[in-house]
N, C-alpha and C. Protein backbone atom coordinates (compact mmCIF):
# COMPACT_ATOMS: atom_id res chain seq x y z
N MET A 1 -10.82 -7.61 5.91
CA MET A 1 -11.65 -7.12 4.89
C MET A 1 -13.11 -7.71 5.29
N ASP A 2 -14.05 -6.90 5.25
CA ASP A 2 -15.49 -7.47 5.32
C ASP A 2 -15.63 -8.27 3.91
N THR A 3 -16.06 -9.50 4.27
CA THR A 3 -16.29 -10.58 3.23
C THR A 3 -17.53 -10.06 2.35
N LEU A 4 -18.44 -9.34 3.01
CA LEU A 4 -19.74 -8.81 2.23
C LEU A 4 -19.33 -7.82 1.13
N LEU A 5 -18.13 -7.25 1.34
CA LEU A 5 -17.56 -6.11 0.38
C LEU A 5 -17.16 -6.83 -0.86
N ILE A 6 -16.43 -7.84 -0.58
CA ILE A 6 -15.86 -8.53 -1.94
C ILE A 6 -16.78 -8.58 -3.05
N PRO A 7 -17.86 -9.15 -3.21
CA PRO A 7 -18.61 -9.16 -4.37
C PRO A 7 -19.05 -7.79 -4.70
N LEU A 8 -19.22 -6.88 -3.83
CA LEU A 8 -19.44 -5.35 -4.27
C LEU A 8 -18.41 -4.86 -5.15
N ILE A 9 -17.18 -4.93 -4.63
CA ILE A 9 -15.94 -4.55 -5.23
C ILE A 9 -15.64 -5.19 -6.72
N HIS A 10 -15.96 -6.49 -6.57
CA HIS A 10 -16.03 -7.24 -8.07
C HIS A 10 -16.86 -6.57 -8.88
N GLN A 11 -18.23 -6.38 -8.52
CA GLN A 11 -19.14 -5.87 -9.22
C GLN A 11 -18.80 -4.34 -9.82
N LEU A 12 -18.31 -3.50 -8.85
CA LEU A 12 -17.65 -2.18 -9.27
C LEU A 12 -16.46 -2.36 -10.35
N TYR A 13 -15.79 -3.28 -10.08
CA TYR A 13 -14.69 -3.38 -11.07
C TYR A 13 -15.09 -3.55 -12.47
N ASN A 14 -16.07 -4.71 -12.53
CA ASN A 14 -16.53 -5.14 -13.86
C ASN A 14 -17.41 -4.11 -14.43
N LYS A 15 -18.13 -3.07 -13.79
CA LYS A 15 -18.83 -2.07 -14.28
C LYS A 15 -17.95 -1.13 -14.82
N TRP A 16 -16.75 -0.81 -14.15
CA TRP A 16 -15.64 0.00 -14.44
C TRP A 16 -15.11 -0.31 -15.70
N ILE A 17 -14.71 -1.62 -15.93
CA ILE A 17 -14.14 -2.17 -17.26
C ILE A 17 -15.37 -2.07 -18.42
N ALA A 18 -16.46 -2.31 -18.15
CA ALA A 18 -17.52 -2.17 -19.18
C ALA A 18 -17.73 -0.92 -19.70
N ALA A 19 -17.55 0.13 -18.70
CA ALA A 19 -17.80 1.49 -19.06
C ALA A 19 -16.74 2.02 -19.72
N GLU A 20 -15.54 1.47 -19.83
CA GLU A 20 -14.28 1.94 -20.45
C GLU A 20 -13.86 3.30 -19.84
N GLN A 21 -13.75 3.46 -18.48
CA GLN A 21 -13.76 4.69 -18.11
C GLN A 21 -12.16 5.14 -18.09
N ASP A 22 -11.75 6.46 -18.15
CA ASP A 22 -10.53 6.71 -18.09
C ASP A 22 -10.06 6.96 -16.56
N GLY A 23 -8.75 7.14 -16.40
CA GLY A 23 -8.12 7.36 -15.07
C GLY A 23 -7.85 5.79 -14.48
N GLU A 24 -7.83 5.99 -13.31
CA GLU A 24 -7.31 4.74 -12.45
C GLU A 24 -8.41 4.51 -11.28
N LEU A 25 -8.80 3.24 -11.15
CA LEU A 25 -9.57 2.69 -10.08
C LEU A 25 -8.64 2.16 -9.05
N PHE A 26 -8.64 2.45 -7.79
CA PHE A 26 -7.74 1.93 -6.84
C PHE A 26 -8.76 1.16 -5.85
N LEU A 27 -8.39 -0.01 -5.66
CA LEU A 27 -9.39 -0.94 -4.68
C LEU A 27 -8.36 -1.57 -3.58
N SER A 28 -8.68 -1.40 -2.49
CA SER A 28 -7.93 -2.19 -1.36
C SER A 28 -8.95 -2.53 -0.30
N ALA A 29 -8.42 -3.07 0.75
CA ALA A 29 -9.30 -3.76 1.75
C ALA A 29 -10.18 -2.53 2.60
N THR A 30 -9.70 -1.38 2.46
CA THR A 30 -10.40 -0.24 3.11
C THR A 30 -10.68 1.02 2.23
N THR A 31 -10.22 0.89 0.97
CA THR A 31 -10.60 2.18 0.05
C THR A 31 -10.89 1.73 -1.13
N ILE A 32 -11.91 2.67 -1.78
CA ILE A 32 -12.08 2.48 -3.26
C ILE A 32 -12.05 3.89 -3.78
N GLN A 33 -10.96 4.42 -4.58
CA GLN A 33 -10.96 5.52 -5.18
C GLN A 33 -10.78 5.53 -6.62
N TRP A 34 -11.18 6.68 -7.28
CA TRP A 34 -10.98 6.88 -8.56
C TRP A 34 -10.25 8.00 -8.88
N LYS A 35 -9.01 8.01 -9.76
CA LYS A 35 -8.38 9.13 -10.01
C LYS A 35 -8.61 9.53 -11.53
N SER A 36 -8.83 10.84 -11.99
CA SER A 36 -8.94 10.95 -13.27
C SER A 36 -7.46 10.83 -14.04
N SER A 37 -7.51 10.80 -15.30
CA SER A 37 -6.17 10.27 -16.02
C SER A 37 -5.11 11.59 -15.86
N ASP A 38 -5.59 12.84 -15.59
CA ASP A 38 -4.56 13.82 -15.34
C ASP A 38 -4.31 13.91 -13.82
N GLN A 39 -4.77 13.03 -13.07
CA GLN A 39 -4.54 13.07 -11.67
C GLN A 39 -5.05 14.33 -10.85
N ALA A 40 -5.99 14.99 -11.53
CA ALA A 40 -6.44 16.30 -10.95
C ALA A 40 -7.73 16.08 -10.06
N THR A 41 -8.40 15.00 -10.33
CA THR A 41 -9.65 14.70 -9.65
C THR A 41 -9.41 13.28 -8.95
N THR A 42 -9.70 13.25 -7.77
CA THR A 42 -9.91 11.98 -7.03
C THR A 42 -11.27 11.94 -6.20
N LEU A 43 -11.90 10.91 -6.36
CA LEU A 43 -13.35 10.58 -5.75
C LEU A 43 -13.01 9.41 -4.83
N ASP A 44 -13.63 9.66 -3.61
CA ASP A 44 -13.48 8.55 -2.60
C ASP A 44 -14.88 7.77 -2.86
N LEU A 45 -14.78 6.54 -3.24
CA LEU A 45 -16.03 5.81 -3.42
C LEU A 45 -16.36 4.78 -2.37
N THR A 46 -15.34 4.77 -1.35
CA THR A 46 -15.47 3.90 -0.18
C THR A 46 -16.83 3.97 0.46
N PRO A 47 -17.49 2.85 0.59
CA PRO A 47 -18.86 2.78 1.33
C PRO A 47 -18.59 3.18 2.91
N LYS A 48 -19.35 4.20 3.34
CA LYS A 48 -19.13 4.72 4.50
C LYS A 48 -20.24 4.08 5.63
N THR A 49 -21.37 3.76 5.17
CA THR A 49 -22.29 3.26 6.17
C THR A 49 -22.39 1.64 6.24
N GLN A 50 -21.87 1.08 5.33
CA GLN A 50 -22.03 -0.36 5.05
C GLN A 50 -21.27 -1.19 6.14
N VAL A 51 -20.04 -0.81 6.23
CA VAL A 51 -19.10 -1.52 7.39
C VAL A 51 -19.64 -1.48 8.79
N PRO A 52 -20.03 -0.48 9.45
CA PRO A 52 -20.61 -0.31 10.67
C PRO A 52 -21.82 -1.31 10.82
N PHE A 53 -22.71 -1.03 9.78
CA PHE A 53 -23.88 -1.73 9.56
C PHE A 53 -23.63 -3.46 9.61
N THR A 54 -22.73 -3.70 8.81
CA THR A 54 -22.60 -5.20 8.68
C THR A 54 -22.03 -5.70 10.18
N GLU A 55 -21.03 -4.88 10.80
CA GLU A 55 -20.63 -5.14 11.95
C GLU A 55 -21.59 -5.48 13.14
N LEU A 56 -22.55 -4.39 13.25
CA LEU A 56 -23.69 -4.58 14.00
C LEU A 56 -24.72 -5.79 13.60
N LEU A 57 -24.65 -6.19 12.54
CA LEU A 57 -25.59 -7.26 12.11
C LEU A 57 -24.82 -8.58 12.74
N ALA A 58 -23.52 -8.54 12.46
CA ALA A 58 -22.64 -9.88 13.11
C ALA A 58 -22.79 -9.83 14.43
N GLN A 59 -22.84 -8.67 15.29
CA GLN A 59 -22.90 -8.58 16.78
C GLN A 59 -24.26 -9.23 17.45
N ILE A 60 -25.34 -9.23 16.54
CA ILE A 60 -26.56 -9.64 17.16
C ILE A 60 -26.54 -11.12 17.01
N ARG A 61 -25.53 -11.62 16.66
CA ARG A 61 -25.50 -13.17 16.86
C ARG A 61 -24.68 -13.66 17.99
N LEU A 62 -23.98 -12.82 18.74
CA LEU A 62 -23.23 -13.13 19.76
C LEU A 62 -23.87 -14.11 20.89
N ARG A 63 -23.16 -15.03 21.34
CA ARG A 63 -23.89 -16.02 22.43
C ARG A 63 -24.14 -15.22 23.82
N ASN A 64 -23.42 -14.38 24.23
CA ASN A 64 -23.77 -13.62 25.45
C ASN A 64 -25.06 -12.82 25.34
N PRO A 65 -26.02 -13.13 26.20
CA PRO A 65 -27.26 -12.42 25.93
C PRO A 65 -27.27 -10.83 26.15
N ILE A 66 -26.38 -10.39 27.15
CA ILE A 66 -26.33 -9.05 27.45
C ILE A 66 -25.59 -8.41 26.14
N GLN A 67 -24.44 -8.93 25.59
CA GLN A 67 -23.79 -8.52 24.68
C GLN A 67 -24.61 -8.17 23.31
N ARG A 68 -25.60 -9.34 23.09
CA ARG A 68 -26.47 -9.50 22.18
C ARG A 68 -27.52 -8.44 22.15
N LEU A 69 -28.09 -8.03 23.33
CA LEU A 69 -29.03 -7.07 23.57
C LEU A 69 -28.29 -5.69 23.26
N LYS A 70 -27.02 -5.54 23.74
CA LYS A 70 -26.46 -4.21 23.45
C LYS A 70 -26.17 -4.10 21.99
N ALA A 71 -25.90 -5.08 21.26
CA ALA A 71 -25.87 -5.01 19.85
C ALA A 71 -27.12 -4.79 19.07
N TYR A 72 -28.17 -5.17 19.67
CA TYR A 72 -29.61 -4.85 18.93
C TYR A 72 -29.66 -3.31 19.49
N PHE A 73 -29.37 -2.79 20.76
CA PHE A 73 -29.61 -1.55 20.92
C PHE A 73 -28.59 -0.60 20.05
N ASP A 74 -27.50 -1.08 19.78
CA ASP A 74 -26.54 -0.03 18.87
C ASP A 74 -27.22 -0.22 17.60
N LEU A 75 -27.80 -1.48 17.07
CA LEU A 75 -28.21 -1.36 15.79
C LEU A 75 -29.48 -0.46 15.64
N GLY A 76 -30.34 -0.61 16.84
CA GLY A 76 -31.56 0.42 16.78
C GLY A 76 -31.08 1.71 16.79
N LYS A 77 -30.07 2.03 17.31
CA LYS A 77 -29.48 3.50 17.40
C LYS A 77 -29.05 4.10 16.04
N PHE A 78 -28.36 3.10 15.30
CA PHE A 78 -28.01 3.29 14.01
C PHE A 78 -29.05 3.49 13.00
N LEU A 79 -30.25 2.72 13.26
CA LEU A 79 -31.43 2.79 12.44
C LEU A 79 -32.47 4.02 12.71
N ASP A 80 -32.36 4.36 13.86
CA ASP A 80 -33.17 5.47 14.41
C ASP A 80 -33.11 6.69 13.51
N GLY A 81 -34.47 7.11 13.10
CA GLY A 81 -34.50 8.31 12.18
C GLY A 81 -34.26 7.96 10.72
N LYS A 82 -33.88 6.70 10.40
CA LYS A 82 -33.89 6.34 9.04
C LYS A 82 -35.23 6.14 8.45
N THR A 83 -35.45 6.53 7.17
CA THR A 83 -36.68 6.22 6.57
C THR A 83 -36.61 5.05 5.76
N GLN A 84 -37.88 4.69 5.24
CA GLN A 84 -37.77 3.31 4.48
C GLN A 84 -36.93 3.54 3.35
N LEU A 85 -36.94 4.90 2.80
CA LEU A 85 -35.98 4.93 1.47
C LEU A 85 -34.36 4.60 1.97
N ASP A 86 -34.09 5.35 3.08
CA ASP A 86 -32.67 5.06 3.64
C ASP A 86 -32.40 3.65 3.96
N LEU A 87 -33.31 2.78 4.18
CA LEU A 87 -33.14 1.41 4.62
C LEU A 87 -32.93 0.48 3.31
N GLN A 88 -33.18 1.07 2.25
CA GLN A 88 -33.23 0.06 0.92
C GLN A 88 -31.77 -0.47 0.52
N GLU A 89 -30.81 0.45 0.99
CA GLU A 89 -29.53 -0.07 0.70
C GLU A 89 -28.97 -1.16 1.53
N TYR A 90 -29.76 -1.36 2.71
CA TYR A 90 -29.36 -2.46 3.62
C TYR A 90 -30.15 -3.65 3.43
N THR A 91 -29.51 -4.79 3.80
CA THR A 91 -30.14 -6.25 3.80
C THR A 91 -30.50 -6.58 5.20
N ILE A 92 -31.75 -6.47 5.58
CA ILE A 92 -32.14 -6.68 7.10
C ILE A 92 -33.42 -7.36 6.97
N LYS A 93 -33.81 -8.34 7.81
CA LYS A 93 -34.91 -9.15 8.03
C LYS A 93 -35.87 -8.05 8.86
N PRO A 94 -37.24 -8.06 8.39
CA PRO A 94 -38.09 -7.38 9.11
C PRO A 94 -38.22 -7.58 10.63
N PHE A 95 -37.98 -8.77 11.12
CA PHE A 95 -37.99 -9.13 12.38
C PHE A 95 -36.84 -8.53 13.04
N THR A 96 -35.79 -8.68 12.55
CA THR A 96 -34.33 -8.05 13.14
C THR A 96 -34.53 -6.47 13.18
N LEU A 97 -35.25 -5.86 12.36
CA LEU A 97 -35.49 -4.46 12.19
C LEU A 97 -36.42 -4.07 13.16
N LYS A 98 -37.45 -4.75 13.49
CA LYS A 98 -38.48 -4.57 14.58
C LYS A 98 -37.82 -4.72 15.96
N ALA A 99 -37.06 -5.83 16.05
CA ALA A 99 -36.47 -6.03 17.29
C ALA A 99 -35.24 -4.95 17.80
N ALA A 100 -34.61 -4.38 16.81
CA ALA A 100 -33.68 -3.47 16.98
C ALA A 100 -34.19 -2.11 17.39
N LYS A 101 -35.29 -1.75 16.76
CA LYS A 101 -36.23 -0.77 17.13
C LYS A 101 -36.69 -0.65 18.44
N ARG A 102 -37.15 -1.93 18.87
CA ARG A 102 -37.92 -2.02 20.12
C ARG A 102 -36.94 -2.10 21.25
N VAL A 103 -35.73 -2.72 21.03
CA VAL A 103 -34.70 -2.59 22.04
C VAL A 103 -34.27 -0.95 22.26
N TYR A 104 -34.05 -0.40 21.34
CA TYR A 104 -33.61 0.94 21.31
C TYR A 104 -34.56 1.68 21.97
N GLN A 105 -35.79 1.58 21.64
CA GLN A 105 -36.89 2.37 22.28
C GLN A 105 -37.15 2.12 23.77
N PHE A 106 -36.97 0.90 24.04
CA PHE A 106 -37.20 0.34 25.44
C PHE A 106 -36.11 0.91 26.26
N TYR A 107 -34.88 0.79 25.83
CA TYR A 107 -33.85 1.06 26.88
C TYR A 107 -33.51 2.79 26.65
N THR A 108 -33.88 3.44 25.69
CA THR A 108 -33.90 4.96 25.51
C THR A 108 -34.65 5.46 26.90
N VAL A 109 -35.96 4.89 26.68
CA VAL A 109 -36.91 5.36 27.86
C VAL A 109 -36.46 4.83 29.05
N CYS A 110 -36.08 3.73 29.35
CA CYS A 110 -35.91 2.95 30.66
C CYS A 110 -34.40 3.40 31.07
N GLY A 111 -33.46 3.71 30.33
CA GLY A 111 -32.17 4.06 30.60
C GLY A 111 -31.15 2.89 29.94
N GLU A 112 -30.20 3.54 29.16
CA GLU A 112 -29.42 2.50 28.59
C GLU A 112 -28.65 1.67 29.60
N HIS A 113 -28.51 2.22 30.85
CA HIS A 113 -27.72 1.65 31.91
C HIS A 113 -28.32 0.56 32.57
N THR A 114 -29.68 0.39 32.20
CA THR A 114 -30.46 -0.80 32.88
C THR A 114 -30.34 -1.95 31.86
N LEU A 115 -29.73 -1.81 30.69
CA LEU A 115 -29.51 -2.82 29.79
C LEU A 115 -28.72 -3.98 30.58
N TYR A 116 -27.87 -3.51 31.42
CA TYR A 116 -26.85 -4.42 31.85
C TYR A 116 -27.24 -5.19 33.12
N LEU A 117 -28.62 -4.57 33.69
CA LEU A 117 -29.15 -5.19 35.16
C LEU A 117 -29.43 -6.67 35.13
N ASP A 118 -30.04 -7.15 34.15
CA ASP A 118 -30.51 -8.54 34.20
C ASP A 118 -30.69 -9.04 32.67
N ASN A 119 -30.83 -10.21 32.52
CA ASN A 119 -30.83 -10.76 31.09
C ASN A 119 -32.26 -11.47 30.97
N THR A 120 -33.29 -10.96 31.64
CA THR A 120 -34.77 -11.40 31.41
C THR A 120 -35.32 -10.90 30.18
N VAL A 121 -34.85 -9.56 29.88
CA VAL A 121 -35.51 -8.90 28.61
C VAL A 121 -34.63 -9.42 27.51
N THR A 122 -35.12 -9.78 26.43
CA THR A 122 -34.47 -10.13 25.25
C THR A 122 -35.10 -9.46 24.19
N ALA A 123 -34.27 -9.13 23.04
CA ALA A 123 -34.80 -8.61 21.75
C ALA A 123 -36.03 -9.28 21.16
N THR A 124 -35.91 -10.53 21.20
CA THR A 124 -37.00 -11.47 20.63
C THR A 124 -38.36 -11.05 21.49
N ASN A 125 -38.29 -11.19 22.74
CA ASN A 125 -39.39 -11.03 23.61
C ASN A 125 -39.93 -9.72 23.30
N LEU A 126 -39.04 -8.70 23.28
CA LEU A 126 -39.67 -7.24 22.96
C LEU A 126 -40.34 -7.04 21.55
N ALA A 127 -39.74 -7.76 20.65
CA ALA A 127 -40.37 -7.74 19.13
C ALA A 127 -41.57 -8.53 19.11
N LYS A 128 -41.79 -9.51 19.97
CA LYS A 128 -42.91 -10.47 19.67
C LYS A 128 -44.21 -9.52 20.44
N LEU A 129 -44.01 -8.69 21.25
CA LEU A 129 -45.02 -8.03 22.01
C LEU A 129 -45.78 -7.11 21.15
N SER A 130 -47.20 -7.27 21.37
CA SER A 130 -48.06 -6.35 20.76
C SER A 130 -47.75 -4.76 21.10
N GLU A 131 -48.12 -3.76 20.48
CA GLU A 131 -47.91 -2.48 20.87
C GLU A 131 -48.26 -2.11 22.21
N ALA A 132 -49.54 -2.44 22.61
CA ALA A 132 -50.04 -2.30 23.91
C ALA A 132 -49.12 -2.86 25.07
N ASN A 133 -48.87 -4.04 24.84
CA ASN A 133 -48.02 -5.01 25.76
C ASN A 133 -46.62 -4.43 25.91
N PHE A 134 -46.18 -3.86 24.73
CA PHE A 134 -44.72 -3.21 24.70
C PHE A 134 -44.66 -2.01 25.56
N ILE A 135 -45.80 -1.16 25.23
CA ILE A 135 -45.85 0.09 26.20
C ILE A 135 -45.95 -0.46 27.70
N LYS A 136 -46.75 -1.38 27.79
CA LYS A 136 -46.99 -1.82 29.36
C LYS A 136 -45.65 -2.46 29.80
N ALA A 137 -44.94 -3.13 29.24
CA ALA A 137 -43.45 -3.54 29.49
C ALA A 137 -42.49 -2.26 29.94
N ILE A 138 -42.62 -1.26 29.23
CA ILE A 138 -42.06 -0.11 29.46
C ILE A 138 -42.42 0.52 30.75
N GLU A 139 -43.69 0.67 30.79
CA GLU A 139 -44.23 1.20 32.14
C GLU A 139 -43.97 0.39 33.42
N GLU A 140 -44.04 -0.92 33.28
CA GLU A 140 -43.56 -1.84 34.42
C GLU A 140 -42.06 -1.78 34.75
N ARG A 141 -41.31 -1.59 33.77
CA ARG A 141 -39.89 -1.42 34.00
C ARG A 141 -39.53 -0.14 34.71
N GLN A 142 -40.25 0.89 34.28
CA GLN A 142 -40.05 2.20 34.89
C GLN A 142 -40.51 2.13 36.37
N ALA A 143 -41.63 1.33 36.77
CA ALA A 143 -42.03 1.26 38.08
C ALA A 143 -41.12 0.64 38.80
N ILE A 144 -40.45 -0.53 38.31
CA ILE A 144 -39.43 -1.33 38.93
C ILE A 144 -38.49 -0.41 39.42
N LEU A 145 -37.73 0.37 38.46
CA LEU A 145 -36.80 1.30 38.71
C LEU A 145 -36.97 2.52 39.60
N LEU A 146 -38.24 2.97 39.66
CA LEU A 146 -38.65 3.80 40.62
C LEU A 146 -38.58 3.33 42.10
N LEU A 147 -39.29 2.02 42.08
CA LEU A 147 -39.37 1.32 43.27
C LEU A 147 -37.87 1.26 43.87
N PHE A 148 -36.94 0.73 42.97
CA PHE A 148 -35.49 0.61 43.50
C PHE A 148 -34.75 1.72 43.88
N ALA A 149 -35.24 2.84 43.12
CA ALA A 149 -34.48 3.99 43.37
C ALA A 149 -35.07 4.55 44.89
N GLY A 150 -36.43 4.35 45.04
CA GLY A 150 -36.79 4.85 46.37
C GLY A 150 -36.45 3.90 47.29
N ALA A 151 -36.18 2.66 47.29
CA ALA A 151 -35.73 1.83 48.31
C ALA A 151 -34.00 2.35 48.65
N GLN A 152 -33.50 2.60 47.70
CA GLN A 152 -31.99 2.99 47.84
C GLN A 152 -32.18 4.44 48.70
N ASN A 153 -32.96 5.30 48.33
CA ASN A 153 -33.10 6.60 49.02
C ASN A 153 -33.37 6.38 50.47
N GLU A 154 -34.25 5.42 50.68
CA GLU A 154 -34.73 5.21 52.16
C GLU A 154 -33.36 4.61 53.09
N THR A 155 -32.61 3.83 52.26
CA THR A 155 -31.50 3.18 53.10
C THR A 155 -30.32 4.12 53.17
N GLY A 156 -30.36 5.29 52.46
CA GLY A 156 -29.30 6.40 52.49
C GLY A 156 -28.24 5.86 51.56
N GLU A 157 -28.40 5.11 50.73
CA GLU A 157 -27.14 4.65 49.79
C GLU A 157 -27.12 5.42 48.52
């Protein structure tokens, strides 16, 4: 069970008791459900997005730089298209948010497959770049990839 969910479940249970709701509240490691007294209505109250999000946050702390970069990419992909209002339900530091978005943008343009080529690009470095330097870094990576692809074509590989 995700340890971050325990306080939320406890809080939900306390609210349930305070509101003196009828029916049954079922809490488990993976499910939160409410059933009406007559058993005719069942509501699934299990958080759908919190668990993957917390797993992604945990992965950005991995020691392996490539795995950590991949975790930032996945977090950026998860956050892509979400509005500020959507992000209110998550606890995420602004720098982590910026780093995840930058990694996702960088490797979406340059190709996710290039994420595994070297460990010189880091989420921290991408997040610290000014907007102009970030765009320049993308252009430089694309130029290197084009040169590499051209060299492979000349050798016939």
